Structure formats: C-alpha cells, structure tokens
C-alpha cells in the first residue's frame, strides 16, 4: 500500500481504512487498474487514495469532510 507524508508523520492507507471503519463510514476498496492510482468508493463517492490521505492529514476524514470534497469534485467535473 502507498504511504504519504505529512509534515513529520508517515500516513499509511491502513490508517485511513482504520479511521473509516472506526467512524462506521461505508467504503469499498481499494480498487485499481494496472498503471492507475488506487481508489475507493466512500459513501456514494469515488475518491483517490491520495485524497483520503490528504483528508486524514487535514483532520477532515469524517462524513462532512468527505461530503465537501465530493461536492468540490462534482463542481469541478461539471465545469462550475
């Protein structure tokens, strides 16, 4: 599994998964295609592993943070 770094502490995807489980946030994954980045289905959104790690580092890996990220992604994808 991939690891990302915050300012001083390495964050593994296992930490992200543990956080999702402990908060009882529905997710599936990780999924990936050969040569592509890993992604998860979290609640009703498809999020990259790196996006989830970023939310954890920002202390926003919670239902509200996930919803806000999904909204920003949808707005970007729809050209708004």
PDB file of N, CA and C in Angstrom:
ATOM      1  N   UNK A   1       0.826  -1.179   0.000  1.00  0.00           N
ATOM      2  CA  UNK A   1       0.000   0.000   0.000  1.00  0.00           C
ATOM      3  C   UNK A   1       0.875   1.249   0.000  1.00  0.00           C
ATOM      4  N   UNK A   2       0.329   2.296  -0.543  1.00  0.00           N
ATOM      5  CA  UNK A   2       1.074   3.540  -0.647  1.00  0.00           C
ATOM      6  C   UNK A   2       1.133   4.251   0.700  1.00  0.00           C
ATOM      7  N   UNK A   3       2.162   5.040   0.847  1.00  0.00           N
ATOM      8  CA  UNK A   3       2.287   5.862   2.046  1.00  0.00           C
ATOM      9  C   UNK A   3       2.459   7.308   1.609  1.00  0.00           C
ATOM     10  N   UNK A   4       1.889   8.191   2.371  1.00  0.00           N
ATOM     11  CA  UNK A   4       2.058   9.619   2.132  1.00  0.00           C
ATOM     12  C   UNK A   4       2.646  10.219   3.394  1.00  0.00           C
ATOM     13  N   UNK A   5       3.229  11.385   3.279  1.00  0.00           N
ATOM     14  CA  UNK A   5       3.849  12.008   4.441  1.00  0.00           C
ATOM     15  C   UNK A   5       3.198  13.332   4.760  1.00  0.00           C
ATOM     16  N   UNK A   6       2.945  13.517   6.031  1.00  0.00           N
ATOM     17  CA  UNK A   6       2.560  14.849   6.481  1.00  0.00           C
ATOM     18  C   UNK A   6       3.865  15.543   6.850  1.00  0.00           C
ATOM     19  N   UNK A   7       3.780  16.612   7.592  1.00  0.00           N
ATOM     20  CA  UNK A   7       4.983  17.351   7.955  1.00  0.00           C
ATOM     21  C   UNK A   7       6.002  16.471   8.665  1.00  0.00           C
ATOM     22  N   UNK A   8       5.549  15.570   9.525  1.00  0.00           N
ATOM     23  CA  UNK A   8       6.529  14.794  10.283  1.00  0.00           C
ATOM     24  C   UNK A   8       6.152  13.329  10.468  1.00  0.00           C
ATOM     25  N   UNK A   9       4.925  12.946  10.119  1.00  0.00           N
ATOM     26  CA  UNK A   9       4.469  11.601  10.415  1.00  0.00           C
ATOM     27  C   UNK A   9       4.017  10.909   9.138  1.00  0.00           C
ATOM     28  N   UNK A  10       4.578   9.714   8.837  1.00  0.00           N
ATOM     29  CA  UNK A  10       4.093   8.993   7.658  1.00  0.00           C
ATOM     30  C   UNK A  10       2.677   8.473   7.900  1.00  0.00           C
ATOM     31  N   UNK A  11       1.854   8.537   6.873  1.00  0.00           N
ATOM     32  CA  UNK A  11       0.476   8.072   6.980  1.00  0.00           C
ATOM     33  C   UNK A  11       0.290   6.945   5.973  1.00  0.00           C
ATOM     34  N   UNK A  12      -0.114   5.796   6.461  1.00  0.00           N
ATOM     35  CA  UNK A  12      -0.362   4.680   5.549  1.00  0.00           C
ATOM     36  C   UNK A  12      -1.837   4.596   5.236  1.00  0.00           C
ATOM     37  N   UNK A  13      -2.157   3.941   4.148  1.00  0.00           N
ATOM     38  CA  UNK A  13      -3.561   3.769   3.788  1.00  0.00           C
ATOM     39  C   UNK A  13      -4.269   2.920   4.842  1.00  0.00           C
ATOM     40  N   UNK A  14      -3.527   2.081   5.540  1.00  0.00           N
ATOM     41  CA  UNK A  14      -4.127   1.297   6.626  1.00  0.00           C
ATOM     42  C   UNK A  14      -4.702   2.210   7.707  1.00  0.00           C
ATOM     43  N   UNK A  15      -4.042   3.316   7.974  1.00  0.00           N
ATOM     44  CA  UNK A  15      -4.536   4.283   8.956  1.00  0.00           C
ATOM     45  C   UNK A  15      -5.834   4.909   8.470  1.00  0.00           C
ATOM     46  N   UNK A  16      -5.902   5.205   7.176  1.00  0.00           N
ATOM     47  CA  UNK A  16      -7.121   5.750   6.584  1.00  0.00           C
ATOM     48  C   UNK A  16      -8.261   4.743   6.731  1.00  0.00           C
ATOM     49  N   UNK A  17      -7.995   3.500   6.382  1.00  0.00           N
ATOM     50  CA  UNK A  17      -9.015   2.446   6.468  1.00  0.00           C
ATOM     51  C   UNK A  17      -9.482   2.271   7.907  1.00  0.00           C
ATOM     52  N   UNK A  18      -8.555   2.261   8.848  1.00  0.00           N
ATOM     53  CA  UNK A  18      -8.919   2.143  10.265  1.00  0.00           C
ATOM     54  C   UNK A  18      -9.823   3.301  10.696  1.00  0.00           C
ATOM     55  N   UNK A  19      -9.522   4.509  10.226  1.00  0.00           N
ATOM     56  CA  UNK A  19     -10.332   5.667  10.574  1.00  0.00           C
ATOM     57  C   UNK A  19     -11.742   5.547  10.001  1.00  0.00           C
ATOM     58  N   UNK A  20     -11.842   5.131   8.743  1.00  0.00           N
ATOM     59  CA  UNK A  20     -13.156   4.946   8.130  1.00  0.00           C
ATOM     60  C   UNK A  20     -13.972   3.903   8.891  1.00  0.00           C
ATOM     61  N   UNK A  21     -13.316   2.794   9.228  1.00  0.00           N
ATOM     62  CA  UNK A  21     -14.014   1.729   9.957  1.00  0.00           C
ATOM     63  C   UNK A  21     -14.462   2.192  11.343  1.00  0.00           C
ATOM     64  N   UNK A  22     -13.588   2.873  12.055  1.00  0.00           N
ATOM     65  CA  UNK A  22     -13.930   3.281  13.422  1.00  0.00           C
ATOM     66  C   UNK A  22     -15.072   4.296  13.443  1.00  0.00           C
ATOM     67  N   UNK A  23     -15.216   5.059  12.360  1.00  0.00           N
ATOM     68  CA  UNK A  23     -16.311   6.025  12.266  1.00  0.00           C
ATOM     69  C   UNK A  23     -17.553   5.421  11.601  1.00  0.00           C
ATOM     70  N   UNK A  24     -17.452   4.154  11.244  1.00  0.00           N
ATOM     71  CA  UNK A  24     -18.531   3.435  10.574  1.00  0.00           C
ATOM     72  C   UNK A  24     -18.963   4.125   9.283  1.00  0.00           C
ATOM     73  N   UNK A  25     -17.962   4.630   8.541  1.00  0.00           N
ATOM     74  CA  UNK A  25     -18.212   5.226   7.233  1.00  0.00           C
ATOM     75  C   UNK A  25     -18.136   4.108   6.202  1.00  0.00           C
ATOM     76  N   UNK A  26     -19.191   3.958   5.419  1.00  0.00           N
ATOM     77  CA  UNK A  26     -19.251   2.889   4.421  1.00  0.00           C
ATOM     78  C   UNK A  26     -18.216   3.135   3.324  1.00  0.00           C
ATOM     79  N   UNK A  27     -17.424   2.099   3.019  1.00  0.00           N
ATOM     80  CA  UNK A  27     -16.451   2.204   1.930  1.00  0.00           C
ATOM     81  C   UNK A  27     -16.203   0.829   1.340  1.00  0.00           C
ATOM     82  N   UNK A  28     -15.706   0.839   0.114  1.00  0.00           N
ATOM     83  CA  UNK A  28     -15.244  -0.378  -0.552  1.00  0.00           C
ATOM     84  C   UNK A  28     -13.919  -0.054  -1.214  1.00  0.00           C
ATOM     85  N   UNK A  29     -13.047  -1.029  -1.238  1.00  0.00           N
ATOM     86  CA  UNK A  29     -11.766  -0.829  -1.903  1.00  0.00           C
ATOM     87  C   UNK A  29     -10.631  -1.155  -0.974  1.00  0.00           C
ATOM     88  N   UNK A  30      -9.448  -0.950  -1.431  1.00  0.00           N
ATOM     89  CA  UNK A  30      -9.049  -0.178  -2.597  1.00  0.00           C
ATOM     90  C   UNK A  30      -9.204  -0.968  -3.890  1.00  0.00           C
ATOM     91  N   UNK A  31      -9.445  -0.227  -4.956  1.00  0.00           N
ATOM     92  CA  UNK A  31      -9.518  -0.767  -6.300  1.00  0.00           C
ATOM     93  C   UNK A  31      -8.442  -0.083  -7.128  1.00  0.00           C
ATOM     94  N   UNK A  32      -7.996  -0.761  -8.164  1.00  0.00           N
ATOM     95  CA  UNK A  32      -7.073  -0.125  -9.106  1.00  0.00           C
ATOM     96  C   UNK A  32      -7.042  -0.936 -10.391  1.00  0.00           C
ATOM     97  N   UNK A  33      -6.670  -0.247 -11.446  1.00  0.00           N
ATOM     98  CA  UNK A  33      -6.414  -0.889 -12.724  1.00  0.00           C
ATOM     99  C   UNK A  33      -4.913  -0.846 -12.925  1.00  0.00           C
ATOM    100  N   UNK A  34      -4.356  -1.757 -13.681  1.00  0.00           N
ATOM    101  CA  UNK A  34      -2.905  -1.717 -13.903  1.00  0.00           C
ATOM    102  C   UNK A  34      -2.453  -0.342 -14.405  1.00  0.00           C
ATOM    103  N   UNK A  35      -1.483   0.232 -13.733  1.00  0.00           N
ATOM    104  CA  UNK A  35      -0.934   1.520 -14.122  1.00  0.00           C
ATOM    105  C   UNK A  35      -1.700   2.723 -13.608  1.00  0.00           C
ATOM    106  N   UNK A  36      -2.807   2.523 -12.921  1.00  0.00           N
ATOM    107  CA  UNK A  36      -3.606   3.636 -12.403  1.00  0.00           C
ATOM    108  C   UNK A  36      -3.472   3.729 -10.894  1.00  0.00           C
ATOM    109  N   UNK A  37      -3.895   4.861 -10.377  1.00  0.00           N
ATOM    110  CA  UNK A  37      -3.859   5.068  -8.932  1.00  0.00           C
ATOM    111  C   UNK A  37      -4.984   4.305  -8.242  1.00  0.00           C
ATOM    112  N   UNK A  38      -4.782   3.991  -6.981  1.00  0.00           N
ATOM    113  CA  UNK A  38      -5.782   3.279  -6.190  1.00  0.00           C
ATOM    114  C   UNK A  38      -6.912   4.239  -5.842  1.00  0.00           C
ATOM    115  N   UNK A  39      -8.128   3.690  -5.804  1.00  0.00           N
ATOM    116  CA  UNK A  39      -9.284   4.486  -5.438  1.00  0.00           C
ATOM    117  C   UNK A  39     -10.221   3.665  -4.576  1.00  0.00           C
ATOM    118  N   UNK A  40     -11.110   4.378  -3.889  1.00  0.00           N
ATOM    119  CA  UNK A  40     -12.103   3.778  -3.005  1.00  0.00           C
ATOM    120  C   UNK A  40     -13.476   4.321  -3.363  1.00  0.00           C
ATOM    121  N   UNK A  41     -14.494   3.549  -3.067  1.00  0.00           N
ATOM    122  CA  UNK A  41     -15.860   4.044  -3.095  1.00  0.00           C
ATOM    123  C   UNK A  41     -16.203   4.318  -1.634  1.00  0.00           C
ATOM    124  N   UNK A  42     -16.398   5.588  -1.312  1.00  0.00           N
ATOM    125  CA  UNK A  42     -16.681   6.011   0.064  1.00  0.00           C
ATOM    126  C   UNK A  42     -18.046   6.686   0.061  1.00  0.00           C
ATOM    127  N   UNK A  43     -18.958   6.106   0.859  1.00  0.00           N
ATOM    128  CA  UNK A  43     -20.339   6.554   0.823  1.00  0.00           C
ATOM    129  C   UNK A  43     -20.803   6.438  -0.627  1.00  0.00           C
ATOM    130  N   UNK A  44     -21.136   7.536  -1.286  1.00  0.00           N
ATOM    131  CA  UNK A  44     -21.573   7.489  -2.683  1.00  0.00           C
ATOM    132  C   UNK A  44     -20.564   8.138  -3.627  1.00  0.00           C
ATOM    133  N   UNK A  45     -19.320   8.267  -3.195  1.00  0.00           N
ATOM    134  CA  UNK A  45     -18.309   8.960  -3.978  1.00  0.00           C
ATOM    135  C   UNK A  45     -17.137   8.055  -4.290  1.00  0.00           C
ATOM    136  N   UNK A  46     -16.501   8.323  -5.410  1.00  0.00           N
ATOM    137  CA  UNK A  46     -15.267   7.632  -5.764  1.00  0.00           C
ATOM    138  C   UNK A  46     -14.135   8.598  -5.460  1.00  0.00           C
ATOM    139  N   UNK A  47     -13.254   8.193  -4.547  1.00  0.00           N
ATOM    140  CA  UNK A  47     -12.158   9.056  -4.118  1.00  0.00           C
ATOM    141  C   UNK A  47     -10.827   8.331  -4.262  1.00  0.00           C
ATOM    142  N   UNK A  48      -9.818   9.075  -4.679  1.00  0.00           N
ATOM    143  CA  UNK A  48      -8.478   8.517  -4.786  1.00  0.00           C
ATOM    144  C   UNK A  48      -7.900   8.268  -3.392  1.00  0.00           C
ATOM    145  N   UNK A  49      -7.028   7.294  -3.332  1.00  0.00           N
ATOM    146  CA  UNK A  49      -6.318   7.015  -2.079  1.00  0.00           C
ATOM    147  C   UNK A  49      -5.638   8.280  -1.569  1.00  0.00           C
ATOM    148  N   UNK A  50      -5.000   9.023  -2.467  1.00  0.00           N
ATOM    149  CA  UNK A  50      -4.282  10.232  -2.065  1.00  0.00           C
ATOM    150  C   UNK A  50      -5.230  11.286  -1.491  1.00  0.00           C
ATOM    151  N   UNK A  51      -6.461  11.362  -2.006  1.00  0.00           N
ATOM    152  CA  UNK A  51      -7.436  12.320  -1.472  1.00  0.00           C
ATOM    153  C   UNK A  51      -7.836  11.950  -0.050  1.00  0.00           C
ATOM    154  N   UNK A  52      -7.993  10.659   0.205  1.00  0.00           N
ATOM    155  CA  UNK A  52      -8.343  10.212   1.556  1.00  0.00           C
ATOM    156  C   UNK A  52      -7.206  10.464   2.530  1.00  0.00           C
ATOM    157  N   UNK A  53      -5.980  10.230   2.082  1.00  0.00           N
ATOM    158  CA  UNK A  53      -4.816  10.502   2.933  1.00  0.00           C
ATOM    159  C   UNK A  53      -4.755  11.992   3.244  1.00  0.00           C
ATOM    160  N   UNK A  54      -4.998  12.842   2.236  1.00  0.00           N
ATOM    161  CA  UNK A  54      -4.991  14.287   2.467  1.00  0.00           C
ATOM    162  C   UNK A  54      -6.050  14.698   3.490  1.00  0.00           C
ATOM    163  N   UNK A  55      -7.251  14.119   3.373  1.00  0.00           N
ATOM    164  CA  UNK A  55      -8.294  14.427   4.354  1.00  0.00           C
ATOM    165  C   UNK A  55      -7.853  14.026   5.763  1.00  0.00           C
ATOM    166  N   UNK A  56      -7.228  12.862   5.882  1.00  0.00           N
ATOM    167  CA  UNK A  56      -6.765  12.416   7.202  1.00  0.00           C
ATOM    168  C   UNK A  56      -5.723  13.377   7.763  1.00  0.00           C
ATOM    169  N   UNK A  57      -4.776  13.772   6.938  1.00  0.00           N
ATOM    170  CA  UNK A  57      -3.718  14.693   7.373  1.00  0.00           C
ATOM    171  C   UNK A  57      -4.315  16.019   7.825  1.00  0.00           C
ATOM    172  N   UNK A  58      -5.369  16.470   7.127  1.00  0.00           N
ATOM    173  CA  UNK A  58      -6.022  17.742   7.463  1.00  0.00           C
ATOM    174  C   UNK A  58      -7.030  17.594   8.607  1.00  0.00           C
ATOM    175  N   UNK A  59      -7.134  16.386   9.150  1.00  0.00           N
ATOM    176  CA  UNK A  59      -8.100  16.093  10.213  1.00  0.00           C
ATOM    177  C   UNK A  59      -9.543  16.321   9.734  1.00  0.00           C
ATOM    178  N   UNK A  60      -9.788  15.992   8.454  1.00  0.00           N
ATOM    179  CA  UNK A  60     -11.117  16.154   7.869  1.00  0.00           C
ATOM    180  C   UNK A  60     -11.656  14.840   7.317  1.00  0.00           C
ATOM    181  N   UNK A  61     -11.061  13.726   7.733  1.00  0.00           N
ATOM    182  CA  UNK A  61     -11.558  12.431   7.275  1.00  0.00           C
ATOM    183  C   UNK A  61     -12.741  12.040   8.149  1.00  0.00           C
ATOM    184  N   UNK A  62     -13.874  12.625   7.809  1.00  0.00           N
ATOM    185  CA  UNK A  62     -15.130  12.393   8.513  1.00  0.00           C
ATOM    186  C   UNK A  62     -16.243  12.583   7.488  1.00  0.00           C
ATOM    187  N   UNK A  63     -17.474  12.254   7.826  1.00  0.00           N
ATOM    188  CA  UNK A  63     -18.548  12.375   6.831  1.00  0.00           C
ATOM    189  C   UNK A  63     -18.655  13.767   6.203  1.00  0.00           C
ATOM    190  N   UNK A  64     -18.515  14.812   7.008  1.00  0.00           N
ATOM    191  CA  UNK A  64     -18.621  16.171   6.474  1.00  0.00           C
ATOM    192  C   UNK A  64     -17.469  16.478   5.513  1.00  0.00           C
ATOM    193  N   UNK A  65     -16.247  16.122   5.893  1.00  0.00           N
ATOM    194  CA  UNK A  65     -15.088  16.372   5.034  1.00  0.00           C
ATOM    195  C   UNK A  65     -15.185  15.620   3.722  1.00  0.00           C
ATOM    196  N   UNK A  66     -15.659  14.379   3.786  1.00  0.00           N
ATOM    197  CA  UNK A  66     -15.823  13.576   2.580  1.00  0.00           C
ATOM    198  C   UNK A  66     -16.890  14.199   1.684  1.00  0.00           C
ATOM    199  N   UNK A  67     -17.996  14.624   2.274  1.00  0.00           N
ATOM    200  CA  UNK A  67     -19.080  15.253   1.508  1.00  0.00           C
ATOM    201  C   UNK A  67     -18.595  16.536   0.830  1.00  0.00           C
ATOM    202  N   UNK A  68     -17.858  17.370   1.562  1.00  0.00           N
ATOM    203  CA  UNK A  68     -17.350  18.618   0.994  1.00  0.00           C
ATOM    204  C   UNK A  68     -16.383  18.359  -0.151  1.00  0.00           C
ATOM    205  N   UNK A  69     -15.504  17.373  -0.006  1.00  0.00           N
ATOM    206  CA  UNK A  69     -14.575  17.028  -1.079  1.00  0.00           C
ATOM    207  C   UNK A  69     -15.347  16.541  -2.300  1.00  0.00           C
ATOM    208  N   UNK A  70     -16.320  15.678  -2.092  1.00  0.00           N
ATOM    209  CA  UNK A  70     -17.118  15.160  -3.207  1.00  0.00           C
ATOM    210  C   UNK A  70     -17.843  16.288  -3.929  1.00  0.00           C
ATOM    211  N   UNK A  71     -18.365  17.261  -3.176  1.00  0.00           N
ATOM    212  CA  UNK A  71     -19.031  18.414  -3.786  1.00  0.00           C
ATOM    213  C   UNK A  71     -18.065  19.217  -4.646  1.00  0.00           C
ATOM    214  N   UNK A  72     -16.847  19.441  -4.147  1.00  0.00           N
ATOM    215  CA  UNK A  72     -15.837  20.197  -4.912  1.00  0.00           C
ATOM    216  C   UNK A  72     -15.487  19.442  -6.187  1.00  0.00           C
ATOM    217  N   UNK A  73     -15.340  18.134  -6.092  1.00  0.00           N
ATOM    218  CA  UNK A  73     -15.005  17.322  -7.268  1.00  0.00           C
ATOM    219  C   UNK A  73     -16.133  17.402  -8.288  1.00  0.00           C
ATOM    220  N   UNK A  74     -17.377  17.249  -7.821  1.00  0.00           N
ATOM    221  CA  UNK A  74     -18.531  17.332  -8.726  1.00  0.00           C
ATOM    222  C   UNK A  74     -18.597  18.691  -9.412  1.00  0.00           C
ATOM    223  N   UNK A  75     -18.367  19.754  -8.663  1.00  0.00           N
ATOM    224  CA  UNK A  75     -18.395  21.102  -9.240  1.00  0.00           C
ATOM    225  C   UNK A  75     -17.311  21.273 -10.304  1.00  0.00           C
ATOM    226  N   UNK A  76     -16.130  20.753 -10.020  1.00  0.00           N
ATOM    227  CA  UNK A  76     -15.030  20.826 -10.984  1.00  0.00           C
ATOM    228  C   UNK A  76     -15.360  20.035 -12.239  1.00  0.00           C
ATOM    229  N   UNK A  77     -15.905  18.838 -12.065  1.00  0.00           N
ATOM    230  CA  UNK A  77     -16.228  17.983 -13.206  1.00  0.00           C
ATOM    231  C   UNK A  77     -17.376  18.517 -14.044  1.00  0.00           C
ATOM    232  N   UNK A  78     -18.277  19.274 -13.432  1.00  0.00           N
ATOM    233  CA  UNK A  78     -19.407  19.809 -14.179  1.00  0.00           C
ATOM    234  C   UNK A  78     -19.107  21.189 -14.769  1.00  0.00           C
ATOM    235  N   UNK A  79     -17.903  21.696 -14.514  1.00  0.00           N
ATOM    236  CA  UNK A  79     -17.498  22.965 -15.094  1.00  0.00           C
ATOM    237  C   UNK A  79     -18.001  24.189 -14.376  1.00  0.00           C
ATOM    238  N   UNK A  80     -18.439  24.038 -13.156  1.00  0.00           N
ATOM    239  CA  UNK A  80     -18.970  25.183 -12.396  1.00  0.00           C
ATOM    240  C   UNK A  80     -17.883  25.926 -11.692  1.00  0.00           C
TER     241      UNK A  80
END
